[in-house]
């Protein structure tokens, strides 16, 4: 069915996008001290979008896998597998799942057809440089992580909203506030920028929803892809992303401007590996991160 969906006339397809992030947008602590790359604060912030051709089919597969694992005596006494823990027993989450569980989920995602993953990555040291420069121009300016999140939404979705007949976009809920309107505005801005750049008008309906992984299997899958990307950037571990690379369509490293002001684009023809990020280790040493 997934192959059929991907081969039909694009203008009749409803795209189902699931959006999750890894890392955080924090730059400072409460006293204004820079905390990038310290314990509990990531160096990178990234946004991932998983295009799922058959969301219900993916849900069935993940639910069946969860039921199978929950009934396995091997996991009987594992805390994260207990219903009261509100973790793996309810939904898959790469950070919380056991390595054995994680392996099963990765294997399922690898063999699932109709998944396309897109992501964008920013180095928060470059974000800090922007914030400091802006403060010099406007002392009243105050950075907020939502500003970075919305910018990445605009940049990543710029080329993802102009072909299909409609879009259903589910964002992983962040905090208690309702940011649906802000996200919709960012998506419309992304589409407007595509129109300005290419002269192609797109007006297909966009449905936006902020929800949780327990409600949407697509968010669970997006979390796994984005966790794999984060492990490569933060830990230098490439095996997870390499394992899923067959479903990766684009990773934009917007702050690798060594050869282009637009950053570097990794695709099926140009896979992302740990070797591509080696130069950042030297940079980290120069600024005292290592």
Protein backbone atom coordinates (compact mmCIF):
# COMPACT_ATOMS: atom_id res chain seq x y z
CA UNK A 1 0.00 0.00 0.00
CA UNK A 2 2.82 2.42 0.85
CA UNK A 3 4.41 1.92 -2.55
CA UNK A 4 1.05 2.61 -4.19
CA UNK A 5 0.63 5.86 -2.28
CA UNK A 6 4.06 7.07 -3.25
CA UNK A 7 3.48 6.29 -6.93
CA UNK A 8 0.09 7.95 -7.41
CA UNK A 9 -0.44 11.47 -8.71
CA UNK A 10 1.19 13.63 -6.04
CA UNK A 11 -1.55 16.25 -6.16
CA UNK A 12 -4.09 13.70 -4.85
CA UNK A 13 -1.97 12.49 -1.93
CA UNK A 14 -2.49 13.64 1.64
CA UNK A 15 0.89 13.82 3.31
CA UNK A 16 1.13 12.84 6.97
CA UNK A 17 4.07 14.57 8.62
CA UNK A 18 5.19 13.86 12.20
CA UNK A 19 7.58 16.34 13.78
CA UNK A 20 9.89 15.80 16.73
CA UNK A 21 12.99 17.52 18.07
CA UNK A 22 16.17 16.39 19.81
CA UNK A 23 18.35 18.42 22.11
CA UNK A 24 17.09 21.72 23.45
CA UNK A 25 17.09 25.38 22.52
CA UNK A 26 18.65 26.58 25.78
CA UNK A 27 21.70 28.83 25.58
CA UNK A 28 21.84 30.36 29.07
CA UNK A 29 20.99 29.43 32.62
CA UNK A 30 18.79 31.60 34.84
CA UNK A 31 21.76 33.84 35.67
CA UNK A 32 22.61 34.42 32.02
CA UNK A 33 25.63 32.10 31.97
CA UNK A 34 26.25 30.23 28.72
CA UNK A 35 25.58 26.50 29.29
CA UNK A 36 25.84 25.08 25.77
CA UNK A 37 27.29 21.57 25.78
CA UNK A 38 27.34 21.28 29.58
CA UNK A 39 25.65 18.53 31.58
CA UNK A 40 21.93 18.54 30.78
CA UNK A 41 22.24 20.99 27.88
CA UNK A 42 22.88 19.87 24.33
CA UNK A 43 25.36 21.41 21.92
CA UNK A 44 23.05 20.83 18.96
CA UNK A 45 19.37 21.33 18.40
CA UNK A 46 17.61 19.46 15.62
CA UNK A 47 14.17 19.06 14.15
CA UNK A 48 13.04 15.94 12.32
CA UNK A 49 10.03 15.34 10.07
CA UNK A 50 8.86 11.84 9.24
CA UNK A 51 6.55 11.48 6.25
CA UNK A 52 4.44 8.38 6.86
CA UNK A 53 2.47 7.01 3.92
CA UNK A 54 0.33 4.71 6.07
CA UNK A 55 -0.01 6.03 9.66
CA UNK A 56 -2.58 3.41 10.67
CA UNK A 57 -0.45 0.60 9.32
CA UNK A 58 2.55 1.91 11.23
CA UNK A 59 0.45 2.09 14.39
CA UNK A 60 -0.64 -1.53 14.01
CA UNK A 61 2.94 -2.67 13.56
CA UNK A 62 4.23 -0.77 16.58
CA UNK A 63 1.30 -1.86 18.74
CA UNK A 64 1.88 -5.49 17.77
CA UNK A 65 5.57 -5.20 18.54
CA UNK A 66 4.86 -3.63 21.92
CA UNK A 67 2.38 -6.37 22.82
CA UNK A 68 4.91 -9.01 21.79
CA UNK A 69 7.64 -7.48 23.93
CA UNK A 70 5.34 -6.97 26.90
CA UNK A 71 4.41 -10.65 26.86
CA UNK A 72 8.05 -11.78 26.70
CA UNK A 73 9.20 -13.17 30.10
CA UNK A 74 12.65 -11.68 29.42
CA UNK A 75 11.22 -8.20 30.16
CA UNK A 76 8.90 -9.21 33.01
CA UNK A 77 10.77 -7.39 35.81
CA UNK A 78 12.13 -4.46 33.82
CA UNK A 79 10.93 -1.18 35.44
CA UNK A 80 10.42 0.69 32.16
CA UNK A 81 8.19 -2.13 30.91
CA UNK A 82 5.74 -1.84 33.81
CA UNK A 83 2.43 -0.02 33.05
CA UNK A 84 2.80 2.25 36.07
CA UNK A 85 6.12 3.55 34.75
CA UNK A 86 4.28 5.25 31.87
CA UNK A 87 7.14 4.43 29.50
CA UNK A 88 7.62 1.52 27.06
CA UNK A 89 4.38 -0.13 28.20
CA UNK A 90 2.50 2.86 26.74
CA UNK A 91 4.66 3.98 23.82
CA UNK A 92 8.16 3.64 22.37
CA UNK A 93 10.67 6.35 23.20
CA UNK A 94 14.27 5.82 22.17
CA UNK A 95 15.78 7.54 25.20
CA UNK A 96 13.79 5.45 27.69
CA UNK A 97 13.62 2.10 25.91
CA UNK A 98 16.04 -0.71 26.72
CA UNK A 99 18.75 -1.41 24.12
CA UNK A 100 17.05 -4.74 23.35
CA UNK A 101 13.75 -2.96 22.76
CA UNK A 102 15.41 -0.25 20.76
CA UNK A 103 16.95 -2.86 18.46
CA UNK A 104 13.52 -4.32 17.71
CA UNK A 105 12.01 -0.91 16.95
CA UNK A 106 14.89 0.04 14.68
CA UNK A 107 14.50 -3.25 12.80
CA UNK A 108 10.77 -2.63 12.34
CA UNK A 109 11.35 0.90 11.04
CA UNK A 110 14.08 -0.28 8.69
CA UNK A 111 11.73 -2.74 6.97
CA UNK A 112 8.71 -0.42 6.92
CA UNK A 113 7.95 0.96 3.46
CA UNK A 114 6.61 4.44 2.85
CA UNK A 115 8.76 6.31 5.40
CA UNK A 116 10.67 9.43 4.38
CA UNK A 117 12.73 11.36 6.92
CA UNK A 118 13.88 14.98 6.69
CA UNK A 119 15.84 16.87 9.33
CA UNK A 120 17.64 20.11 10.08
CA UNK A 121 20.47 20.62 12.57
CA UNK A 122 21.87 23.77 14.13
CA UNK A 123 25.01 24.23 16.22
CA UNK A 124 23.98 26.28 19.25
CA UNK A 125 27.34 28.03 19.38
CA UNK A 126 26.38 29.63 16.08
CA UNK A 127 22.96 30.50 17.51
CA UNK A 128 24.70 32.15 20.46
CA UNK A 129 26.83 34.22 18.10
CA UNK A 130 23.68 35.43 16.35
CA UNK A 131 22.01 36.29 19.67
CA UNK A 132 25.03 38.26 20.92
CA UNK A 133 25.32 40.19 17.67
CA UNK A 134 21.61 41.01 17.73
CA UNK A 135 21.88 42.20 21.33
CA UNK A 136 24.58 44.62 20.25
CA UNK A 137 22.20 46.10 17.69
CA UNK A 138 19.14 45.94 19.94
CA UNK A 139 19.84 45.81 23.71
CA UNK A 140 16.14 45.14 24.37
CA UNK A 141 16.19 41.88 22.43
CA UNK A 142 15.79 38.70 24.50
CA UNK A 143 16.30 35.24 23.05
CA UNK A 144 13.64 32.55 23.55
CA UNK A 145 14.01 28.88 22.48
CA UNK A 146 10.67 29.06 20.64
CA UNK A 147 12.29 31.53 18.26
CA UNK A 148 14.86 28.92 17.24
CA UNK A 149 12.24 26.17 16.96
CA UNK A 150 10.02 28.24 14.67
CA UNK A 151 12.96 29.26 12.50
CA UNK A 152 13.91 25.62 11.96
CA UNK A 153 10.28 24.82 11.10
CA UNK A 154 10.28 27.52 8.42
CA UNK A 155 13.59 26.39 6.98
CA UNK A 156 12.88 22.65 7.01
CA UNK A 157 9.33 22.84 5.63
CA UNK A 158 10.14 25.32 2.88
CA UNK A 159 10.32 22.58 0.23
CA UNK A 160 7.81 20.14 1.76
CA UNK A 161 4.48 21.90 1.27
CA UNK A 162 4.00 22.44 -2.45
CA UNK A 163 3.21 19.11 -4.18
CA UNK A 164 0.56 17.16 -2.31
CA UNK A 165 -3.20 17.66 -2.18
CA UNK A 166 -3.15 18.31 1.55
CA UNK A 167 -1.06 18.01 4.68
CA UNK A 168 -1.74 16.68 8.16
CA UNK A 169 1.14 17.76 10.38
CA UNK A 170 1.46 16.48 13.94
CA UNK A 171 4.03 18.18 16.17
CA UNK A 172 5.26 16.60 19.38
CA UNK A 173 3.71 18.69 22.14
CA UNK A 174 6.22 20.88 23.99
CA UNK A 175 5.23 22.11 27.43
CA UNK A 176 1.78 23.20 28.55
CA UNK A 177 1.25 26.17 26.24
CA UNK A 178 -0.67 25.81 22.97
CA UNK A 179 1.62 26.84 20.13
CA UNK A 180 -0.55 25.56 17.30
CA UNK A 181 -1.15 29.06 15.91
CA UNK A 182 2.56 29.89 15.98
CA UNK A 183 3.41 26.63 14.20
CA UNK A 184 0.76 27.23 11.57
CA UNK A 185 2.18 30.70 10.99
CA UNK A 186 5.68 29.25 10.60
CA UNK A 187 4.41 26.70 8.06
CA UNK A 188 2.61 29.35 6.03
CA UNK A 189 5.76 31.46 6.07
CA UNK A 190 7.73 28.46 4.80
CA UNK A 191 5.31 27.98 1.91
CA UNK A 192 5.36 31.69 1.09
CA UNK A 193 9.15 31.60 0.87
CA UNK A 194 8.98 28.68 -1.55
CA UNK A 195 6.55 30.66 -3.72
CA UNK A 196 8.80 33.72 -3.66
CA UNK A 197 11.82 31.66 -4.59
CA UNK A 198 10.34 29.50 -7.34
CA UNK A 199 7.19 31.32 -8.40
CA UNK A 200 5.08 28.23 -7.70
CA UNK A 201 1.89 28.90 -5.78
CA UNK A 202 0.71 26.23 -3.35
CA UNK A 203 -2.58 26.43 -1.49
CA UNK A 204 -3.33 22.86 -0.39
CA UNK A 205 -4.94 22.72 3.07
CA UNK A 206 -2.66 22.28 6.06
CA UNK A 207 -4.00 20.69 9.24
CA UNK A 208 -1.81 21.31 12.29
CA UNK A 209 -1.99 19.40 15.56
CA UNK A 210 0.20 19.33 18.66
CA UNK A 211 -0.04 15.94 20.32
CA UNK A 212 1.82 13.21 22.20
CA UNK A 213 3.59 10.00 21.12
CA UNK A 214 1.08 7.82 22.96
CA UNK A 215 -1.60 9.19 20.63
CA UNK A 216 0.39 8.98 17.40
CA UNK A 217 2.69 6.15 16.37
CA UNK A 218 4.20 8.49 13.79
CA UNK A 219 5.65 10.59 16.61
CA UNK A 220 7.19 7.49 18.16
CA UNK A 221 8.86 6.66 14.85
CA UNK A 222 9.98 10.27 14.32
CA UNK A 223 11.52 10.20 17.79
CA UNK A 224 13.60 7.15 16.86
CA UNK A 225 14.93 8.74 13.67
CA UNK A 226 15.75 12.00 15.40
CA UNK A 227 17.35 10.22 18.37
CA UNK A 228 19.59 8.38 15.90
CA UNK A 229 20.59 11.69 14.33
CA UNK A 230 21.28 13.19 17.74
CA UNK A 231 23.52 10.29 18.75
CA UNK A 232 25.66 10.97 15.71
CA UNK A 233 26.01 14.69 16.38
CA UNK A 234 26.37 14.58 20.14
CA UNK A 235 28.17 11.25 20.62
CA UNK A 236 29.77 10.47 17.27
CA UNK A 237 27.78 7.19 17.05
CA UNK A 238 26.76 6.69 13.43
CA UNK A 239 25.46 3.09 13.46
CA UNK A 240 21.87 4.01 14.34
CA UNK A 241 21.45 6.59 11.59
CA UNK A 242 23.34 4.46 9.10
CA UNK A 243 20.94 1.59 9.84
CA UNK A 244 17.94 3.81 8.98
CA UNK A 245 19.56 5.77 6.17
CA UNK A 246 17.49 4.04 3.50
CA UNK A 247 14.51 6.12 4.67
CA UNK A 248 16.42 9.39 5.06
CA UNK A 249 15.81 11.87 2.27
CA UNK A 250 17.52 14.99 3.60
CA UNK A 251 19.56 16.25 6.55
CA UNK A 252 20.45 19.94 6.46
CA UNK A 253 23.41 21.04 8.58
CA UNK A 254 22.74 24.76 8.41
CA UNK A 255 25.86 25.82 10.33
CA UNK A 256 28.46 23.94 8.31
CA UNK A 257 29.26 26.88 6.07
CA UNK A 258 32.76 25.89 5.09
CA UNK A 259 31.77 25.61 1.44
CA UNK A 260 28.34 27.26 1.25
CA UNK A 261 26.37 29.89 3.14
CA UNK A 262 23.34 27.60 2.94
CA UNK A 263 25.05 24.84 4.92
CA UNK A 264 25.52 21.22 3.85
CA UNK A 265 22.79 18.94 2.47
CA UNK A 266 23.11 15.21 3.12
CA UNK A 267 21.05 12.92 0.89
CA UNK A 268 20.93 9.34 -0.40
CA UNK A 269 23.74 10.25 -2.79
CA UNK A 270 25.71 12.00 -0.05
CA UNK A 271 25.20 10.04 3.22
CA UNK A 272 26.03 11.63 6.56
CA UNK A 273 28.73 9.83 8.57
CA UNK A 274 30.80 10.50 11.68
CA UNK A 275 33.73 11.47 9.46
CA UNK A 276 31.72 14.43 8.15
CA UNK A 277 31.59 15.86 11.68
CA UNK A 278 35.22 15.37 12.70
CA UNK A 279 36.01 19.04 12.09
CA UNK A 280 33.58 19.98 14.85
CA UNK A 281 35.66 18.12 17.44
CA UNK A 282 38.52 20.51 16.82
CA UNK A 283 36.15 23.44 17.10
CA UNK A 284 34.79 22.04 20.36
CA UNK A 285 38.35 21.84 21.72
CA UNK A 286 39.04 25.42 20.67
CA UNK A 287 36.10 26.70 22.71
CA UNK A 288 36.80 24.48 25.69
CA UNK A 289 34.16 21.77 25.27
CA UNK A 290 36.71 18.97 25.36
